[in-house]
Amino acid sequence: MTDSSGDAAAIPRHISAEDRPVSLTIIRLMKGVLYRESNEDEWRTLEREFAAVQDHFSRIGVQVIFDDTNGYAFLKSLPEEEGSDPLPRLVQRRALSYHLSLLLLLLRKRLAEFEAGGEEGRLVLEREQIIEMLRVFLKESSNEVRVIQQVDQTIAQATKLGFLQDLSSKQRADARAWEVKRILKAYVDAEVMGEFAEQLAEYARVGAGDSAADGASDSAAGADATPTPEVDSE
């Protein structure tokens, strides 16, 4: 490899102290959502060096979504231009199951109601509240244990994706609670919410025994009937 003068370009053997904060911020973003409250140093670097960080990612077809109001930042693939040869995706798109799609949409609805009511701080939901929120849309079953297990699995998936934060005490498994993270608003927008509102009444009417719930075999089949948020994951 040579530089513009024809001389061999020097390959850096270490990260300089000057570049280290930006490097750490880039690495943190590649690992997942960067939150102001839990990554203060990287957040300040991103505020100060946003142009440099964005320039780094734009070269590989990725943009940095920075929400200063809600205190989070994450990576999202740039939209592909029609007729262009797309780059391989750094940020993979993940298909969601019916249950997970439904939970995310219900959480987004609850978050909208929380903010519209003038509530401040964090929206925290206990396990029983989430179960009751989902129950009306789940297929009726005489096996209560199975239903609860399905809900717990769905909560775990939403937590893994960063839309819920587990606040539960390890000493009190009977008092589990989760914070609904506001980054959910970036994935479930007003248009999806509007479409979903029309579906909710129908799902509730036909009850849990409808075919929509039958499609909830933890595949993406339910997405055909449910407006599904698209989720990019690292």
Protein backbone atom coordinates (compact mmCIF):
# COMPACT_ATOMS: atom_id res chain seq x y z
CA MET A 1 0.00 0.00 0.00
CA THR A 2 1.39 3.42 -0.93
CA ASP A 3 0.36 6.98 -0.19
CA SER A 4 -0.13 9.77 -2.74
CA SER A 5 3.64 10.36 -2.97
CA GLY A 6 4.29 6.74 -3.88
CA ASP A 7 5.89 5.93 -0.53
CA ALA A 8 4.70 3.01 1.53
CA ALA A 9 1.94 4.17 3.88
CA ALA A 10 2.69 3.62 7.55
CA ILE A 11 0.30 1.25 9.30
CA PRO A 12 -0.48 2.52 12.81
CA ARG A 13 0.69 0.11 15.50
CA HIS A 14 -1.43 1.59 18.29
CA ILE A 15 -4.31 3.93 18.96
CA SER A 16 -3.15 7.35 20.05
CA ALA A 17 -4.42 8.87 23.27
CA GLU A 18 -6.09 11.54 21.17
CA ASP A 19 -8.02 9.00 19.05
CA ARG A 20 -8.86 6.60 21.88
CA PRO A 21 -12.16 8.24 23.01
CA VAL A 22 -13.52 8.18 19.45
CA SER A 23 -12.37 4.58 19.00
CA LEU A 24 -14.12 3.52 22.21
CA THR A 25 -17.30 5.30 21.15
CA ILE A 26 -17.29 3.61 17.73
CA ILE A 27 -16.74 0.20 19.34
CA ARG A 28 -19.53 0.83 21.86
CA LEU A 29 -21.97 1.72 19.08
CA MET A 30 -21.05 -1.46 17.21
CA LYS A 31 -21.94 -3.47 20.30
CA GLY A 32 -25.44 -2.03 20.62
CA VAL A 33 -27.44 0.95 21.79
CA LEU A 34 -25.44 3.68 23.51
CA TYR A 35 -27.34 5.26 26.41
CA ARG A 36 -26.40 8.61 27.95
CA GLU A 37 -27.25 7.46 31.47
CA SER A 38 -25.04 4.37 31.40
CA ASN A 39 -22.25 5.38 28.97
CA GLU A 40 -21.49 8.95 29.99
CA ASP A 41 -17.94 9.13 28.62
CA GLU A 42 -18.85 7.70 25.20
CA TRP A 43 -21.95 9.91 25.08
CA ARG A 44 -19.91 13.08 25.65
CA THR A 45 -17.44 11.97 22.98
CA LEU A 46 -20.28 11.36 20.54
CA GLU A 47 -21.69 14.83 21.22
CA ARG A 48 -18.26 16.38 20.66
CA GLU A 49 -17.05 14.23 17.76
CA PHE A 50 -20.30 13.31 16.03
CA ALA A 51 -19.10 14.37 12.57
CA ALA A 52 -16.01 12.16 12.82
CA VAL A 53 -17.98 9.16 14.10
CA GLN A 54 -20.67 9.59 11.45
CA ASP A 55 -18.01 9.91 8.74
CA HIS A 56 -16.46 6.62 9.88
CA PHE A 57 -19.75 4.74 9.58
CA SER A 58 -21.03 6.45 6.43
CA ARG A 59 -18.13 4.87 4.51
CA ILE A 60 -19.68 1.45 5.17
CA GLY A 61 -23.30 2.40 4.58
CA VAL A 62 -24.34 2.98 8.17
CA GLN A 63 -25.76 6.05 9.85
CA VAL A 64 -25.68 7.04 13.50
CA ILE A 65 -29.12 7.80 14.95
CA PHE A 66 -28.59 10.29 17.78
CA ASP A 67 -31.54 11.26 20.00
CA ASP A 68 -30.40 13.84 22.51
CA THR A 69 -33.92 14.32 23.93
CA ASN A 70 -34.32 10.70 24.97
CA GLY A 71 -30.64 10.00 25.53
CA TYR A 72 -29.79 7.17 23.15
CA ALA A 73 -27.84 6.53 19.96
CA PHE A 74 -27.66 3.50 17.70
CA LEU A 75 -26.60 2.38 14.23
CA LYS A 76 -28.90 1.93 11.27
CA SER A 77 -28.15 0.91 7.72
CA LEU A 78 -28.50 3.65 5.13
CA PRO A 79 -31.39 3.09 2.70
CA GLU A 80 -30.32 1.44 -0.52
CA GLU A 81 -30.47 3.52 -3.68
CA GLU A 82 -32.51 2.02 -6.49
CA GLY A 83 -30.30 0.41 -9.11
CA SER A 84 -27.17 0.54 -6.97
CA ASP A 85 -25.15 -2.48 -5.88
CA PRO A 86 -25.82 -2.69 -2.13
CA LEU A 87 -23.06 -3.18 0.41
CA PRO A 88 -23.20 -6.18 2.76
CA ARG A 89 -25.15 -5.22 5.87
CA LEU A 90 -23.14 -4.54 9.04
CA VAL A 91 -26.41 -4.15 10.94
CA GLN A 92 -28.50 -7.24 10.30
CA ARG A 93 -32.28 -7.08 10.01
CA ARG A 94 -34.06 -9.53 12.30
CA ALA A 95 -37.48 -11.06 11.70
CA LEU A 96 -39.67 -10.92 14.79
CA SER A 97 -42.11 -13.53 16.01
CA TYR A 98 -45.80 -12.75 16.35
CA HIS A 99 -45.55 -12.66 20.15
CA LEU A 100 -42.54 -10.35 20.18
CA SER A 101 -44.08 -8.02 17.58
CA LEU A 102 -47.25 -7.87 19.61
CA LEU A 103 -45.42 -7.16 22.86
CA LEU A 104 -43.33 -4.37 21.32
CA LEU A 105 -46.41 -2.72 19.85
CA LEU A 106 -48.29 -2.95 23.15
CA LEU A 107 -45.32 -1.54 25.03
CA ARG A 108 -45.09 1.31 22.52
CA LYS A 109 -48.78 2.04 23.04
CA ARG A 110 -48.35 2.00 26.83
CA LEU A 111 -45.33 4.32 26.54
CA ALA A 112 -47.33 6.78 24.40
CA GLU A 113 -50.11 6.79 27.01
CA PHE A 114 -47.55 7.26 29.79
CA GLU A 115 -46.02 10.32 28.12
CA ALA A 116 -49.38 11.75 27.03
CA GLY A 117 -50.52 11.59 30.65
CA GLY A 118 -47.71 13.94 31.64
CA GLU A 119 -45.89 11.26 33.57
CA GLU A 120 -42.22 11.92 34.15
CA GLY A 121 -39.35 9.55 34.65
CA ARG A 122 -39.33 5.92 33.61
CA LEU A 123 -42.20 3.66 32.62
CA VAL A 124 -41.79 0.53 34.75
CA LEU A 125 -44.03 -2.51 34.38
CA GLU A 126 -44.22 -5.53 36.63
CA ARG A 127 -44.41 -9.05 35.28
CA GLU A 128 -48.12 -9.42 36.06
CA GLN A 129 -48.92 -6.19 34.20
CA ILE A 130 -47.16 -7.45 31.07
CA ILE A 131 -48.88 -10.82 31.31
CA GLU A 132 -52.32 -9.19 31.55
CA MET A 133 -51.46 -6.84 28.69
CA LEU A 134 -50.70 -9.79 26.41
CA ARG A 135 -53.26 -12.27 27.67
CA VAL A 136 -56.24 -10.91 25.75
CA PHE A 137 -54.40 -11.47 22.48
CA LEU A 138 -53.07 -14.94 23.23
CA LYS A 139 -54.74 -18.18 22.28
CA GLU A 140 -56.92 -19.54 25.04
CA SER A 141 -55.31 -22.51 26.70
CA SER A 142 -56.00 -24.75 29.67
CA ASN A 143 -52.27 -24.92 30.22
CA GLU A 144 -51.60 -21.77 32.22
CA VAL A 145 -48.00 -22.75 32.80
CA ARG A 146 -47.37 -22.87 29.07
CA VAL A 147 -48.94 -19.45 28.56
CA ILE A 148 -46.78 -17.89 31.29
CA GLN A 149 -43.67 -19.54 29.87
CA GLN A 150 -44.45 -18.07 26.46
CA VAL A 151 -44.83 -14.60 27.96
CA ASP A 152 -41.59 -14.96 29.93
CA GLN A 153 -39.75 -16.01 26.76
CA THR A 154 -41.13 -13.01 24.91
CA ILE A 155 -40.10 -10.64 27.70
CA ALA A 156 -36.61 -12.13 27.62
CA GLN A 157 -36.39 -11.57 23.86
CA ALA A 158 -37.48 -7.93 24.21
CA THR A 159 -34.90 -7.47 26.98
CA LYS A 160 -32.16 -8.99 24.84
CA LEU A 161 -32.99 -6.57 22.03
CA GLY A 162 -32.69 -3.64 24.46
CA PHE A 163 -36.35 -2.55 24.50
CA LEU A 164 -36.78 -3.60 28.14
CA GLN A 165 -34.34 -3.30 31.02
CA ASP A 166 -34.63 -5.85 33.77
CA LEU A 167 -34.90 -4.08 37.13
CA SER A 168 -35.63 -7.22 39.07
CA SER A 169 -33.82 -7.99 42.26
CA LYS A 170 -32.01 -11.29 42.17
CA GLN A 171 -33.12 -11.80 45.76
CA ARG A 172 -36.81 -11.35 44.88
CA ALA A 173 -37.81 -13.38 41.85
CA ASP A 174 -41.47 -12.82 42.75
CA ALA A 175 -41.21 -9.05 42.23
CA ARG A 176 -39.88 -8.80 38.73
CA ALA A 177 -40.14 -5.50 36.87
CA TRP A 178 -38.80 -3.96 33.66
CA GLU A 179 -38.25 -0.43 32.42
CA VAL A 180 -39.63 0.25 28.93
CA LYS A 181 -36.76 1.91 27.09
CA ARG A 182 -37.64 4.94 24.99
CA ILE A 183 -35.55 3.70 22.09
CA LEU A 184 -38.66 1.67 21.23
CA LYS A 185 -40.07 4.89 19.76
CA ALA A 186 -37.36 4.86 17.10
CA TYR A 187 -38.49 1.43 15.87
CA VAL A 188 -42.25 1.70 16.23
CA ASP A 189 -43.31 4.97 14.66
CA ALA A 190 -46.68 6.74 14.52
CA GLU A 191 -47.62 5.12 11.19
CA VAL A 192 -47.13 1.61 12.53
CA MET A 193 -49.02 2.54 15.69
CA GLY A 194 -51.96 3.76 13.62
CA GLU A 195 -52.14 0.52 11.63
CA PHE A 196 -51.80 -1.51 14.79
CA ALA A 197 -54.67 0.29 16.53
CA GLU A 198 -57.03 -0.96 13.80
CA GLN A 199 -55.86 -4.53 14.31
CA LEU A 200 -56.09 -4.56 18.11
CA ALA A 201 -59.86 -4.34 18.26
CA GLU A 202 -60.22 -7.19 15.76
CA TYR A 203 -57.79 -9.43 17.63
CA ALA A 204 -59.56 -8.80 20.90
CA ARG A 205 -62.96 -9.51 19.27
CA VAL A 206 -62.06 -12.84 17.77
CA GLY A 207 -60.29 -13.69 20.96
CA ALA A 208 -57.25 -15.66 21.53
CA GLY A 209 -58.48 -18.57 19.46
CA ASP A 210 -58.07 -16.78 16.16
CA SER A 211 -55.70 -17.97 13.48
CA ALA A 212 -53.52 -14.94 14.04
CA ALA A 213 -52.52 -16.38 17.36
CA ASP A 214 -52.14 -19.82 15.83
CA GLY A 215 -49.41 -18.31 13.75
CA ALA A 216 -47.60 -17.53 16.94
CA SER A 217 -45.38 -20.53 16.74
CA ASP A 218 -42.54 -18.15 17.35
CA SER A 219 -42.03 -17.63 13.69
CA ALA A 220 -42.54 -14.52 11.65
CA ALA A 221 -45.85 -15.84 10.35
CA GLY A 222 -47.84 -13.46 12.49
CA ALA A 223 -46.15 -10.56 10.81
CA ASP A 224 -48.49 -11.02 7.86
CA ALA A 225 -51.41 -10.05 10.05
CA THR A 226 -49.68 -7.68 12.43
CA PRO A 227 -47.97 -4.41 11.55
CA THR A 228 -44.48 -5.45 12.50
CA PRO A 229 -41.72 -3.14 13.66
CA GLU A 230 -38.49 -3.74 11.81
CA VAL A 231 -35.52 -4.29 14.06
CA ASP A 232 -31.90 -3.93 13.11
CA SER A 233 -29.50 -5.78 15.38
CA GLU A 234 -25.76 -5.99 15.53
